[in-house]
PDB file of N, CA and C in Angstrom:
ATOM      1  N   MET A   1       0.855  -1.172   0.000  1.00  0.00           N
ATOM      2  CA  MET A   1       0.000   0.000   0.000  1.00  0.00           C
ATOM      3  C   MET A   1       0.901   1.235   0.000  1.00  0.00           C
ATOM      4  N   SER A   2       0.571   2.210  -0.830  1.00  0.00           N
ATOM      5  CA  SER A   2       1.383   3.415  -0.926  1.00  0.00           C
ATOM      6  C   SER A   2       1.007   4.429   0.155  1.00  0.00           C
ATOM      7  N   ILE A   3       1.830   5.438   0.271  1.00  0.00           N
ATOM      8  CA  ILE A   3       1.594   6.516   1.232  1.00  0.00           C
ATOM      9  C   ILE A   3       0.671   7.553   0.595  1.00  0.00           C
ATOM     10  N   ASN A   4      -0.413   7.893   1.278  1.00  0.00           N
ATOM     11  CA  ASN A   4      -1.322   8.946   0.816  1.00  0.00           C
ATOM     12  C   ASN A   4      -0.905  10.267   1.436  1.00  0.00           C
ATOM     13  N   ARG A   5      -0.663  11.248   0.578  1.00  0.00           N
ATOM     14  CA  ARG A   5      -0.202  12.564   0.997  1.00  0.00           C
ATOM     15  C   ARG A   5      -1.399  13.443   1.347  1.00  0.00           C
ATOM     16  N   ILE A   6      -1.268  14.207   2.426  1.00  0.00           N
ATOM     17  CA  ILE A   6      -2.377  15.018   2.935  1.00  0.00           C
ATOM     18  C   ILE A   6      -1.915  16.449   3.168  1.00  0.00           C
ATOM     19  N   ILE A   7      -2.756  17.391   2.781  1.00  0.00           N
ATOM     20  CA  ILE A   7      -2.585  18.789   3.162  1.00  0.00           C
ATOM     21  C   ILE A   7      -3.673  19.112   4.166  1.00  0.00           C
ATOM     22  N   LEU A   8      -3.271  19.725   5.269  1.00  0.00           N
ATOM     23  CA  LEU A   8      -4.214  20.191   6.278  1.00  0.00           C
ATOM     24  C   LEU A   8      -4.377  21.696   6.112  1.00  0.00           C
ATOM     25  N   ALA A   9      -5.612  22.143   5.999  1.00  0.00           N
ATOM     26  CA  ALA A   9      -5.888  23.572   5.858  1.00  0.00           C
ATOM     27  C   ALA A   9      -6.845  23.989   6.967  1.00  0.00           C
ATOM     28  N   ASN A  10      -6.288  24.689   7.934  1.00  0.00           N
ATOM     29  CA  ASN A  10      -7.091  25.084   9.085  1.00  0.00           C
ATOM     30  C   ASN A  10      -6.461  26.306   9.715  1.00  0.00           C
ATOM     31  N   ASN A  11      -7.270  27.266  10.099  1.00  0.00           N
ATOM     32  CA  ASN A  11      -6.715  28.471  10.709  1.00  0.00           C
ATOM     33  C   ASN A  11      -6.545  28.326  12.219  1.00  0.00           C
ATOM     34  N   SER A  12      -6.820  27.167  12.761  1.00  0.00           N
ATOM     35  CA  SER A  12      -6.639  26.903  14.184  1.00  0.00           C
ATOM     36  C   SER A  12      -5.380  26.058  14.388  1.00  0.00           C
ATOM     37  N   ARG A  13      -4.406  26.618  15.073  1.00  0.00           N
ATOM     38  CA  ARG A  13      -3.184  25.873  15.335  1.00  0.00           C
ATOM     39  C   ARG A  13      -3.458  24.613  16.149  1.00  0.00           C
ATOM     40  N   LEU A  14      -4.394  24.696  17.079  1.00  0.00           N
ATOM     41  CA  LEU A  14      -4.749  23.540  17.898  1.00  0.00           C
ATOM     42  C   LEU A  14      -5.263  22.392  17.032  1.00  0.00           C
ATOM     43  N   LEU A  15      -6.196  22.684  16.120  1.00  0.00           N
ATOM     44  CA  LEU A  15      -6.729  21.628  15.244  1.00  0.00           C
ATOM     45  C   LEU A  15      -5.654  21.069  14.317  1.00  0.00           C
ATOM     46  N   LEU A  16      -4.785  21.936  13.803  1.00  0.00           N
ATOM     47  CA  LEU A  16      -3.691  21.452  12.958  1.00  0.00           C
ATOM     48  C   LEU A  16      -2.815  20.473  13.728  1.00  0.00           C
ATOM     49  N   GLU A  17      -2.469  20.831  14.955  1.00  0.00           N
ATOM     50  CA  GLU A  17      -1.625  19.951  15.759  1.00  0.00           C
ATOM     51  C   GLU A  17      -2.345  18.642  16.091  1.00  0.00           C
ATOM     52  N   MET A  18      -3.626  18.714  16.368  1.00  0.00           N
ATOM     53  CA  MET A  18      -4.381  17.492  16.664  1.00  0.00           C
ATOM     54  C   MET A  18      -4.418  16.573  15.451  1.00  0.00           C
ATOM     55  N   PHE A  19      -4.734  17.135  14.286  1.00  0.00           N
ATOM     56  CA  PHE A  19      -4.753  16.318  13.067  1.00  0.00           C
ATOM     57  C   PHE A  19      -3.372  15.726  12.799  1.00  0.00           C
ATOM     58  N   ARG A  20      -2.341  16.540  12.885  1.00  0.00           N
ATOM     59  CA  ARG A  20      -0.987  16.061  12.623  1.00  0.00           C
ATOM     60  C   ARG A  20      -0.640  14.904  13.573  1.00  0.00           C
ATOM     61  N   HIS A  21      -0.962  15.047  14.843  1.00  0.00           N
ATOM     62  CA  HIS A  21      -0.670  14.001  15.834  1.00  0.00           C
ATOM     63  C   HIS A  21      -1.402  12.696  15.504  1.00  0.00           C
ATOM     64  N   VAL A  22      -2.655  12.798  15.176  1.00  0.00           N
ATOM     65  CA  VAL A  22      -3.448  11.602  14.867  1.00  0.00           C
ATOM     66  C   VAL A  22      -2.973  10.958  13.568  1.00  0.00           C
ATOM     67  N   LEU A  23      -2.746  11.756  12.537  1.00  0.00           N
ATOM     68  CA  LEU A  23      -2.395  11.205  11.233  1.00  0.00           C
ATOM     69  C   LEU A  23      -0.997  10.601  11.201  1.00  0.00           C
ATOM     70  N   LYS A  24      -0.087  11.104  12.014  1.00  0.00           N
ATOM     71  CA  LYS A  24       1.262  10.522  11.988  1.00  0.00           C
ATOM     72  C   LYS A  24       1.284   9.135  12.623  1.00  0.00           C
ATOM     73  N   GLN A  25       0.232   8.751  13.308  1.00  0.00           N
ATOM     74  CA  GLN A  25       0.130   7.406  13.877  1.00  0.00           C
ATOM     75  C   GLN A  25      -0.233   6.371  12.808  1.00  0.00           C
ATOM     76  N   ALA A  26      -0.758   6.836  11.696  1.00  0.00           N
ATOM     77  CA  ALA A  26      -1.178   5.930  10.620  1.00  0.00           C
ATOM     78  C   ALA A  26       0.017   5.559   9.738  1.00  0.00           C
ATOM     79  N   ASP A  27       0.062   4.312   9.341  1.00  0.00           N
ATOM     80  CA  ASP A  27       1.197   3.805   8.566  1.00  0.00           C
ATOM     81  C   ASP A  27       1.261   4.334   7.136  1.00  0.00           C
ATOM     82  N   HIS A  28       0.122   4.637   6.553  1.00  0.00           N
ATOM     83  CA  HIS A  28       0.091   4.944   5.122  1.00  0.00           C
ATOM     84  C   HIS A  28      -0.364   6.370   4.828  1.00  0.00           C
ATOM     85  N   LEU A  29      -0.173   7.268   5.799  1.00  0.00           N
ATOM     86  CA  LEU A  29      -0.559   8.663   5.623  1.00  0.00           C
ATOM     87  C   LEU A  29       0.614   9.566   5.960  1.00  0.00           C
ATOM     88  N   GLU A  30       0.754  10.632   5.183  1.00  0.00           N
ATOM     89  CA  GLU A  30       1.808  11.606   5.447  1.00  0.00           C
ATOM     90  C   GLU A  30       1.248  13.013   5.267  1.00  0.00           C
ATOM     91  N   VAL A  31       1.349  13.823   6.309  1.00  0.00           N
ATOM     92  CA  VAL A  31       0.973  15.232   6.188  1.00  0.00           C
ATOM     93  C   VAL A  31       2.154  15.923   5.519  1.00  0.00           C
ATOM     94  N   VAL A  32       1.931  16.390   4.279  1.00  0.00           N
ATOM     95  CA  VAL A  32       3.018  16.992   3.510  1.00  0.00           C
ATOM     96  C   VAL A  32       3.062  18.509   3.643  1.00  0.00           C
ATOM     97  N   HIS A  33       1.949  19.100   4.102  1.00  0.00           N
ATOM     98  CA  HIS A  33       1.939  20.558   4.256  1.00  0.00           C
ATOM     99  C   HIS A  33       0.745  20.962   5.104  1.00  0.00           C
ATOM    100  N   GLU A  34       0.920  22.081   5.804  1.00  0.00           N
ATOM    101  CA  GLU A  34      -0.157  22.666   6.585  1.00  0.00           C
ATOM    102  C   GLU A  34      -0.362  24.099   6.117  1.00  0.00           C
ATOM    103  N   VAL A  35      -1.616  24.468   5.942  1.00  0.00           N
ATOM    104  CA  VAL A  35      -1.979  25.802   5.461  1.00  0.00           C
ATOM    105  C   VAL A  35      -2.820  26.476   6.532  1.00  0.00           C
ATOM    106  N   ILE A  36      -2.390  27.647   6.958  1.00  0.00           N
ATOM    107  CA  ILE A  36      -3.160  28.408   7.939  1.00  0.00           C
ATOM    108  C   ILE A  36      -4.034  29.445   7.244  1.00  0.00           C
ATOM    109  N   ASN A  37      -3.510  30.064   6.198  1.00  0.00           N
ATOM    110  CA  ASN A  37      -4.255  31.064   5.434  1.00  0.00           C
ATOM    111  C   ASN A  37      -4.853  30.377   4.206  1.00  0.00           C
ATOM    112  N   ASP A  38      -6.182  30.352   4.094  1.00  0.00           N
ATOM    113  CA  ASP A  38      -6.823  29.615   2.994  1.00  0.00           C
ATOM    114  C   ASP A  38      -6.410  30.118   1.615  1.00  0.00           C
ATOM    115  N   LYS A  39      -5.961  31.348   1.508  1.00  0.00           N
ATOM    116  CA  LYS A  39      -5.520  31.864   0.208  1.00  0.00           C
ATOM    117  C   LYS A  39      -4.235  31.185  -0.275  1.00  0.00           C
ATOM    118  N   ASP A  40      -3.503  30.528   0.633  1.00  0.00           N
ATOM    119  CA  ASP A  40      -2.289  29.789   0.268  1.00  0.00           C
ATOM    120  C   ASP A  40      -2.591  28.363  -0.189  1.00  0.00           C
ATOM    121  N   LEU A  41      -3.827  27.936  -0.070  1.00  0.00           N
ATOM    122  CA  LEU A  41      -4.191  26.554  -0.388  1.00  0.00           C
ATOM    123  C   LEU A  41      -3.971  26.185  -1.857  1.00  0.00           C
ATOM    124  N   PRO A  42      -4.396  26.995  -2.835  1.00  0.00           N
ATOM    125  CA  PRO A  42      -4.173  26.589  -4.231  1.00  0.00           C
ATOM    126  C   PRO A  42      -2.702  26.331  -4.567  1.00  0.00           C
ATOM    127  N   VAL A  43      -1.810  27.188  -4.114  1.00  0.00           N
ATOM    128  CA  VAL A  43      -0.380  26.994  -4.386  1.00  0.00           C
ATOM    129  C   VAL A  43       0.124  25.718  -3.714  1.00  0.00           C
ATOM    130  N   ALA A  44      -0.317  25.473  -2.490  1.00  0.00           N
ATOM    131  CA  ALA A  44       0.110  24.266  -1.762  1.00  0.00           C
ATOM    132  C   ALA A  44      -0.349  22.998  -2.472  1.00  0.00           C
ATOM    133  N   ILE A  45      -1.587  23.002  -2.955  1.00  0.00           N
ATOM    134  CA  ILE A  45      -2.107  21.818  -3.663  1.00  0.00           C
ATOM    135  C   ILE A  45      -1.301  21.555  -4.926  1.00  0.00           C
ATOM    136  N   GLN A  46      -1.011  22.601  -5.680  1.00  0.00           N
ATOM    137  CA  GLN A  46      -0.243  22.429  -6.912  1.00  0.00           C
ATOM    138  C   GLN A  46       1.192  21.990  -6.614  1.00  0.00           C
ATOM    139  N   ARG A  47       1.760  22.476  -5.536  1.00  0.00           N
ATOM    140  CA  ARG A  47       3.155  22.158  -5.208  1.00  0.00           C
ATOM    141  C   ARG A  47       3.322  20.762  -4.620  1.00  0.00           C
ATOM    142  N   PHE A  48       2.429  20.342  -3.726  1.00  0.00           N
ATOM    143  CA  PHE A  48       2.623  19.099  -2.983  1.00  0.00           C
ATOM    144  C   PHE A  48       1.837  17.908  -3.535  1.00  0.00           C
ATOM    145  N   CYS A  49       0.941  18.113  -4.482  1.00  0.00           N
ATOM    146  CA  CYS A  49       0.218  17.034  -5.158  1.00  0.00           C
ATOM    147  C   CYS A  49      -0.361  16.002  -4.187  1.00  0.00           C
ATOM    148  N   PRO A  50      -1.237  16.431  -3.289  1.00  0.00           N
ATOM    149  CA  PRO A  50      -1.778  15.497  -2.298  1.00  0.00           C
ATOM    150  C   PRO A  50      -2.874  14.602  -2.873  1.00  0.00           C
ATOM    151  N   GLU A  51      -3.121  13.494  -2.186  1.00  0.00           N
ATOM    152  CA  GLU A  51      -4.307  12.691  -2.480  1.00  0.00           C
ATOM    153  C   GLU A  51      -5.509  13.236  -1.726  1.00  0.00           C
ATOM    154  N   TRP A  52      -5.241  13.850  -0.558  1.00  0.00           N
ATOM    155  CA  TRP A  52      -6.298  14.375   0.297  1.00  0.00           C
ATOM    156  C   TRP A  52      -5.983  15.807   0.719  1.00  0.00           C
ATOM    157  N   VAL A  53      -7.035  16.610   0.820  1.00  0.00           N
ATOM    158  CA  VAL A  53      -6.944  17.947   1.404  1.00  0.00           C
ATOM    159  C   VAL A  53      -8.059  18.039   2.440  1.00  0.00           C
ATOM    160  N   ILE A  54      -7.673  18.269   3.688  1.00  0.00           N
ATOM    161  CA  ILE A  54      -8.649  18.394   4.766  1.00  0.00           C
ATOM    162  C   ILE A  54      -8.764  19.872   5.100  1.00  0.00           C
ATOM    163  N   VAL A  55      -9.964  20.435   4.870  1.00  0.00           N
ATOM    164  CA  VAL A  55     -10.189  21.872   4.962  1.00  0.00           C
ATOM    165  C   VAL A  55     -11.229  22.171   6.029  1.00  0.00           C
ATOM    166  N   SER A  56     -10.913  23.102   6.908  1.00  0.00           N
ATOM    167  CA  SER A  56     -11.904  23.588   7.869  1.00  0.00           C
ATOM    168  C   SER A  56     -12.601  24.806   7.283  1.00  0.00           C
ATOM    169  N   LEU A  57     -13.912  24.775   7.326  1.00  0.00           N
ATOM    170  CA  LEU A  57     -14.699  25.894   6.840  1.00  0.00           C
ATOM    171  C   LEU A  57     -14.855  26.914   7.953  1.00  0.00           C
ATOM    172  N   PRO A  58     -15.122  28.155   7.662  1.00  0.00           N
ATOM    173  CA  PRO A  58     -15.343  28.726   6.338  1.00  0.00           C
ATOM    174  C   PRO A  58     -14.025  29.073   5.651  1.00  0.00           C
ATOM    175  N   ILE A  59     -14.083  29.101   4.319  1.00  0.00           N
ATOM    176  CA  ILE A  59     -12.981  29.613   3.511  1.00  0.00           C
ATOM    177  C   ILE A  59     -13.574  30.598   2.524  1.00  0.00           C
ATOM    178  N   SER A  60     -12.722  31.394   1.937  1.00  0.00           N
ATOM    179  CA  SER A  60     -13.199  32.456   1.044  1.00  0.00           C
ATOM    180  C   SER A  60     -13.862  31.876  -0.204  1.00  0.00           C
ATOM    181  N   ASN A  61     -14.763  32.649  -0.780  1.00  0.00           N
ATOM    182  CA  ASN A  61     -15.443  32.218  -2.007  1.00  0.00           C
ATOM    183  C   ASN A  61     -14.457  32.023  -3.153  1.00  0.00           C
ATOM    184  N   SER A  62     -13.427  32.859  -3.215  1.00  0.00           N
ATOM    185  CA  SER A  62     -12.463  32.716  -4.309  1.00  0.00           C
ATOM    186  C   SER A  62     -11.725  31.380  -4.207  1.00  0.00           C
ATOM    187  N   VAL A  63     -11.383  30.956  -3.001  1.00  0.00           N
ATOM    188  CA  VAL A  63     -10.705  29.664  -2.823  1.00  0.00           C
ATOM    189  C   VAL A  63     -11.686  28.519  -3.086  1.00  0.00           C
ATOM    190  N   LEU A  64     -12.934  28.649  -2.628  1.00  0.00           N
ATOM    191  CA  LEU A  64     -13.942  27.618  -2.929  1.00  0.00           C
ATOM    192  C   LEU A  64     -14.146  27.468  -4.432  1.00  0.00           C
ATOM    193  N   ASN A  65     -14.187  28.582  -5.152  1.00  0.00           N
ATOM    194  CA  ASN A  65     -14.330  28.534  -6.611  1.00  0.00           C
ATOM    195  C   ASN A  65     -13.116  27.862  -7.250  1.00  0.00           C
ATOM    196  N   TRP A  66     -11.917  28.162  -6.732  1.00  0.00           N
ATOM    197  CA  TRP A  66     -10.706  27.544  -7.256  1.00  0.00           C
ATOM    198  C   TRP A  66     -10.759  26.032  -7.019  1.00  0.00           C
ATOM    199  N   ILE A  67     -11.184  25.615  -5.831  1.00  0.00           N
ATOM    200  CA  ILE A  67     -11.287  24.189  -5.516  1.00  0.00           C
ATOM    201  C   ILE A  67     -12.264  23.508  -6.474  1.00  0.00           C
ATOM    202  N   SER A  68     -13.387  24.135  -6.747  1.00  0.00           N
ATOM    203  CA  SER A  68     -14.370  23.552  -7.680  1.00  0.00           C
ATOM    204  C   SER A  68     -13.756  23.352  -9.053  1.00  0.00           C
ATOM    205  N   ALA A  69     -13.051  24.358  -9.551  1.00  0.00           N
ATOM    206  CA  ALA A  69     -12.405  24.244 -10.864  1.00  0.00           C
ATOM    207  C   ALA A  69     -11.304  23.183 -10.828  1.00  0.00           C
ATOM    208  N   PHE A  70     -10.553  23.134  -9.736  1.00  0.00           N
ATOM    209  CA  PHE A  70      -9.478  22.158  -9.598  1.00  0.00           C
ATOM    210  C   PHE A  70     -10.022  20.735  -9.599  1.00  0.00           C
ATOM    211  N   MET A  71     -11.139  20.501  -8.907  1.00  0.00           N
ATOM    212  CA  MET A  71     -11.717  19.152  -8.867  1.00  0.00           C
ATOM    213  C   MET A  71     -12.136  18.692 -10.258  1.00  0.00           C
ATOM    214  N   GLN A  72     -12.567  19.618 -11.091  1.00  0.00           N
ATOM    215  CA  GLN A  72     -12.915  19.234 -12.460  1.00  0.00           C
ATOM    216  C   GLN A  72     -11.668  18.873 -13.249  1.00  0.00           C
ATOM    217  N   ALA A  73     -10.583  19.607 -13.021  1.00  0.00           N
ATOM    218  CA  ALA A  73      -9.350  19.371 -13.767  1.00  0.00           C
ATOM    219  C   ALA A  73      -8.577  18.160 -13.249  1.00  0.00           C
ATOM    220  N   ASP A  74      -8.628  17.913 -11.944  1.00  0.00           N
ATOM    221  CA  ASP A  74      -7.872  16.812 -11.353  1.00  0.00           C
ATOM    222  C   ASP A  74      -8.750  16.059 -10.344  1.00  0.00           C
ATOM    223  N   PRO A  75      -9.573  15.143 -10.832  1.00  0.00           N
ATOM    224  CA  PRO A  75     -10.503  14.434  -9.941  1.00  0.00           C
ATOM    225  C   PRO A  75      -9.844  13.441  -8.991  1.00  0.00           C
ATOM    226  N   SER A  76      -8.536  13.245  -9.094  1.00  0.00           N
ATOM    227  CA  SER A  76      -7.877  12.291  -8.202  1.00  0.00           C
ATOM    228  C   SER A  76      -7.701  12.838  -6.789  1.00  0.00           C
ATOM    229  N   VAL A  77      -7.755  14.153  -6.614  1.00  0.00           N
ATOM    230  CA  VAL A  77      -7.606  14.748  -5.287  1.00  0.00           C
ATOM    231  C   VAL A  77      -8.967  14.786  -4.605  1.00  0.00           C
ATOM    232  N   ARG A  78      -9.009  14.274  -3.367  1.00  0.00           N
ATOM    233  CA  ARG A  78     -10.236  14.271  -2.575  1.00  0.00           C
ATOM    234  C   ARG A  78     -10.164  15.395  -1.546  1.00  0.00           C
ATOM    235  N   PHE A  79     -11.288  16.003  -1.276  1.00  0.00           N
ATOM    236  CA  PHE A  79     -11.375  17.077  -0.293  1.00  0.00           C
ATOM    237  C   PHE A  79     -12.323  16.667   0.817  1.00  0.00           C
ATOM    238  N   ILE A  80     -11.914  16.921   2.040  1.00  0.00           N
ATOM    239  CA  ILE A  80     -12.787  16.732   3.189  1.00  0.00           C
ATOM    240  C   ILE A  80     -12.984  18.102   3.815  1.00  0.00           C
ATOM    241  N   PHE A  81     -14.242  18.509   3.919  1.00  0.00           N
ATOM    242  CA  PHE A  81     -14.590  19.810   4.480  1.00  0.00           C
ATOM    243  C   PHE A  81     -15.201  19.608   5.855  1.00  0.00           C
ATOM    244  N   LEU A  82     -14.616  20.272   6.847  1.00  0.00           N
ATOM    245  CA  LEU A  82     -15.112  20.207   8.208  1.00  0.00           C
ATOM    246  C   LEU A  82     -15.922  21.461   8.490  1.00  0.00           C
ATOM    247  N   SER A  83     -17.109  21.297   9.048  1.00  0.00           N
ATOM    248  CA  SER A  83     -17.970  22.451   9.335  1.00  0.00           C
ATOM    249  C   SER A  83     -17.371  23.280  10.463  1.00  0.00           C
ATOM    250  N   PRO A  84     -17.694  24.572  10.484  1.00  0.00           N
ATOM    251  CA  PRO A  84     -17.152  25.434  11.542  1.00  0.00           C
ATOM    252  C   PRO A  84     -17.594  25.028  12.945  1.00  0.00           C
ATOM    253  N   ASP A  85     -18.741  24.375  13.053  1.00  0.00           N
ATOM    254  CA  ASP A  85     -19.203  23.949  14.375  1.00  0.00           C
ATOM    255  C   ASP A  85     -18.736  22.526  14.712  1.00  0.00           C
ATOM    256  N   ASP A  86     -17.918  21.945  13.815  1.00  0.00           N
ATOM    257  CA  ASP A  86     -17.372  20.597  14.001  1.00  0.00           C
ATOM    258  C   ASP A  86     -18.434  19.518  14.141  1.00  0.00           C
ATOM    259  N   HIS A  87     -19.619  19.744  13.580  1.00  0.00           N
ATOM    260  CA  HIS A  87     -20.677  18.742  13.650  1.00  0.00           C
ATOM    261  C   HIS A  87     -20.865  17.967  12.349  1.00  0.00           C
ATOM    262  N   SER A  88     -20.213  18.420  11.293  1.00  0.00           N
ATOM    263  CA  SER A  88     -20.351  17.662  10.054  1.00  0.00           C
ATOM    264  C   SER A  88     -19.036  17.642   9.286  1.00  0.00           C
ATOM    265  N   MET A  89     -18.887  16.584   8.487  1.00  0.00           N
ATOM    266  CA  MET A  89     -17.708  16.381   7.685  1.00  0.00           C
ATOM    267  C   MET A  89     -18.181  15.844   6.333  1.00  0.00           C
ATOM    268  N   ILE A  90     -17.828  16.527   5.274  1.00  0.00           N
ATOM    269  CA  ILE A  90     -18.260  16.153   3.929  1.00  0.00           C
ATOM    270  C   ILE A  90     -17.035  15.852   3.080  1.00  0.00           C
ATOM    271  N   MET A  91     -17.060  14.732   2.373  1.00  0.00           N
ATOM    272  CA  MET A  91     -16.004  14.410   1.415  1.00  0.00           C
ATOM    273  C   MET A  91     -16.527  14.716   0.025  1.00  0.00           C
ATOM    274  N   LYS A  92     -15.693  15.401  -0.783  1.00  0.00           N
ATOM    275  CA  LYS A  92     -16.062  15.698  -2.165  1.00  0.00           C
ATOM    276  C   LYS A  92     -14.948  15.247  -3.097  1.00  0.00           C
ATOM    277  N   TRP A  93     -15.352  14.761  -4.246  1.00  0.00           N
ATOM    278  CA  TRP A  93     -14.425  14.409  -5.299  1.00  0.00           C
ATOM    279  C   TRP A  93     -15.170  14.413  -6.617  1.00  0.00           C
ATOM    280  N   GLN A  94     -14.458  14.648  -7.678  1.00  0.00           N
ATOM    281  CA  GLN A  94     -14.985  14.645  -9.044  1.00  0.00           C
ATOM    282  C   GLN A  94     -16.227  15.522  -9.203  1.00  0.00           C
ATOM    283  N   MET A  95     -16.325  16.591  -8.468  1.00  0.00           N
ATOM    284  CA  MET A  95     -17.375  17.600  -8.556  1.00  0.00           C
ATOM    285  C   MET A  95     -18.794  17.057  -8.370  1.00  0.00           C
ATOM    286  N   THR A  96     -19.071  15.859  -8.805  1.00  0.00           N
ATOM    287  CA  THR A  96     -20.439  15.348  -8.713  1.00  0.00           C
ATOM    288  C   THR A  96     -20.620  14.371  -7.566  1.00  0.00           C
ATOM    289  N   SER A  97     -19.542  14.037  -6.899  1.00  0.00           N
ATOM    290  CA  SER A  97     -19.611  13.043  -5.835  1.00  0.00           C
ATOM    291  C   SER A  97     -19.406  13.698  -4.478  1.00  0.00           C
ATOM    292  N   GLU A  98     -20.272  13.347  -3.565  1.00  0.00           N
ATOM    293  CA  GLU A  98     -20.199  13.912  -2.223  1.00  0.00           C
ATOM    294  C   GLU A  98     -20.740  12.883  -1.243  1.00  0.00           C
ATOM    295  N   GLU A  99     -20.097  12.801  -0.090  1.00  0.00           N
ATOM    296  CA  GLU A  99     -20.533  11.852   0.925  1.00  0.00           C
ATOM    297  C   GLU A  99     -20.425  12.499   2.302  1.00  0.00           C
ATOM    298  N   ASP A 100     -21.454  12.314   3.112  1.00  0.00           N
ATOM    299  CA  ASP A 100     -21.446  12.833   4.478  1.00  0.00           C
ATOM    300  C   ASP A 100     -20.690  11.846   5.361  1.00  0.00           C
ATOM    301  N   LEU A 101     -19.650  12.337   6.028  1.00  0.00           N
ATOM    302  CA  LEU A 101     -18.817  11.488   6.876  1.00  0.00           C
ATOM    303  C   LEU A 101     -18.966  11.826   8.351  1.00  0.00           C
ATOM    304  N   SER A 102     -20.027  12.493   8.702  1.00  0.00           N
ATOM    305  CA  SER A 102     -20.186  13.037  10.053  1.00  0.00           C
ATOM    306  C   SER A 102     -20.190  11.989  11.151  1.00  0.00           C
ATOM    307  N   ASN A 103     -20.589  10.773  10.847  1.00  0.00           N
ATOM    308  CA  ASN A 103     -20.708   9.755  11.898  1.00  0.00           C
ATOM    309  C   ASN A 103     -19.552   8.763  11.942  1.00  0.00           C
ATOM    310  N   LEU A 104     -18.431   9.099  11.291  1.00  0.00           N
ATOM    311  CA  LEU A 104     -17.291   8.192  11.307  1.00  0.00           C
ATOM    312  C   LEU A 104     -16.580   8.225  12.656  1.00  0.00           C
ATOM    313  N   SER A 105     -16.070   7.081  13.058  1.00  0.00           N
ATOM    314  CA  SER A 105     -15.172   7.035  14.209  1.00  0.00           C
ATOM    315  C   SER A 105     -13.778   7.449  13.723  1.00  0.00           C
ATOM    316  N   LEU A 106     -12.873   7.681  14.637  1.00  0.00           N
ATOM    317  CA  LEU A 106     -11.508   8.036  14.258  1.00  0.00           C
ATOM    318  C   LEU A 106     -10.860   6.902  13.471  1.00  0.00           C
ATOM    319  N   LYS A 107     -11.075   5.673  13.906  1.00  0.00           N
ATOM    320  CA  LYS A 107     -10.533   4.511  13.196  1.00  0.00           C
ATOM    321  C   LYS A 107     -11.077   4.434  11.771  1.00  0.00           C
ATOM    322  N   GLU A 108     -12.361   4.675  11.585  1.00  0.00           N
ATOM    323  CA  GLU A 108     -12.971   4.645  10.246  1.00  0.00           C
ATOM    324  C   GLU A 108     -12.439   5.795   9.388  1.00  0.00           C
ATOM    325  N   PHE A 109     -12.224   6.948   9.999  1.00  0.00           N
ATOM    326  CA  PHE A 109     -11.687   8.100   9.277  1.00  0.00           C
ATOM    327  C   PHE A 109     -10.281   7.796   8.749  1.00  0.00           C
ATOM    328  N   ILE A 110      -9.426   7.240   9.596  1.00  0.00           N
ATOM    329  CA  ILE A 110      -8.066   6.874   9.176  1.00  0.00           C
ATOM    330  C   ILE A 110      -8.119   5.825   8.070  1.00  0.00           C
ATOM    331  N   TYR A 111      -8.992   4.841   8.214  1.00  0.00           N
ATOM    332  CA  TYR A 111      -9.135   3.803   7.194  1.00  0.00           C
ATOM    333  C   TYR A 111      -9.533   4.415   5.849  1.00  0.00           C
ATOM    334  N   LEU A 112     -10.465   5.339   5.876  1.00  0.00           N
ATOM    335  CA  LEU A 112     -10.908   6.020   4.656  1.00  0.00           C
ATOM    336  C   LEU A 112      -9.744   6.729   3.978  1.00  0.00           C
ATOM    337  N   LEU A 113      -8.929   7.434   4.761  1.00  0.00           N
ATOM    338  CA  LEU A 113      -7.795   8.155   4.199  1.00  0.00           C
ATOM    339  C   LEU A 113      -6.730   7.214   3.648  1.00  0.00           C
ATOM    340  N   GLU A 114      -6.583   6.052   4.254  1.00  0.00           N
ATOM    341  CA  GLU A 114      -5.539   5.103   3.841  1.00  0.00           C
ATOM    342  C   GLU A 114      -5.919   4.249   2.642  1.00  0.00           C
ATOM    343  N   LYS A 115      -7.194   4.001   2.456  1.00  0.00           N
ATOM    344  CA  LYS A 115      -7.548   3.009   1.425  1.00  0.00           C
ATOM    345  C   LYS A 115      -7.350   3.554   0.009  1.00  0.00           C
ATOM    346  N   ASP A 116      -7.353   2.645  -0.906  1.00  0.00           N
ATOM    347  CA  ASP A 116      -7.142   2.943  -2.315  1.00  0.00           C
ATOM    348  C   ASP A 116      -8.209   3.907  -2.814  1.00  0.00           C
ATOM    349  N   LEU A 117      -7.779   5.047  -3.327  1.00  0.00           N
ATOM    350  CA  LEU A 117      -8.717   6.086  -3.760  1.00  0.00           C
ATOM    351  C   LEU A 117      -9.634   5.635  -4.890  1.00  0.00           C
ATOM    352  N   GLN A 118      -9.188   4.706  -5.682  1.00  0.00           N
ATOM    353  CA  GLN A 118     -10.014   4.267  -6.799  1.00  0.00           C
ATOM    354  C   GLN A 118     -11.206   3.436  -6.344  1.00  0.00           C
ATOM    355  N   HIS A 119     -11.199   2.991  -5.102  1.00  0.00           N
ATOM    356  CA  HIS A 119     -12.288   2.161  -4.610  1.00  0.00           C
ATOM    357  C   HIS A 119     -13.201   2.868  -3.642  1.00  0.00           C
ATOM    358  N   ILE A 120     -13.185   4.204  -3.663  1.00  0.00           N
ATOM    359  CA  ILE A 120     -14.100   4.970  -2.811  1.00  0.00           C
ATOM    360  C   ILE A 120     -15.396   5.183  -3.551  1.00  0.00           C
TER     361      ILE A 120
END
């Protein structure tokens, strides 16, 4: 199984550290970059070529529009959006696919990130 590269995009240092701590425990996941300012996200995605981008909402409309265009151009990258109230988690890929992940356990979340992207 290959290593899945992840970008964390969150303006909360605490959440970034929590995600980094949890994800480094997984054998097949690597946090390749952390973004605090959402306007830096497009450059980070192009530079680090992640399989996953975990984004805490809200983010600016210009970045959301860029993400929408990017998903059409490169459907291999999956995005997980965390709600500002931390009550919901949505995975998006290929612009037309979306799944609510709000009820996942931590173990299920790690498994989702580790598994083969072609079989999601």
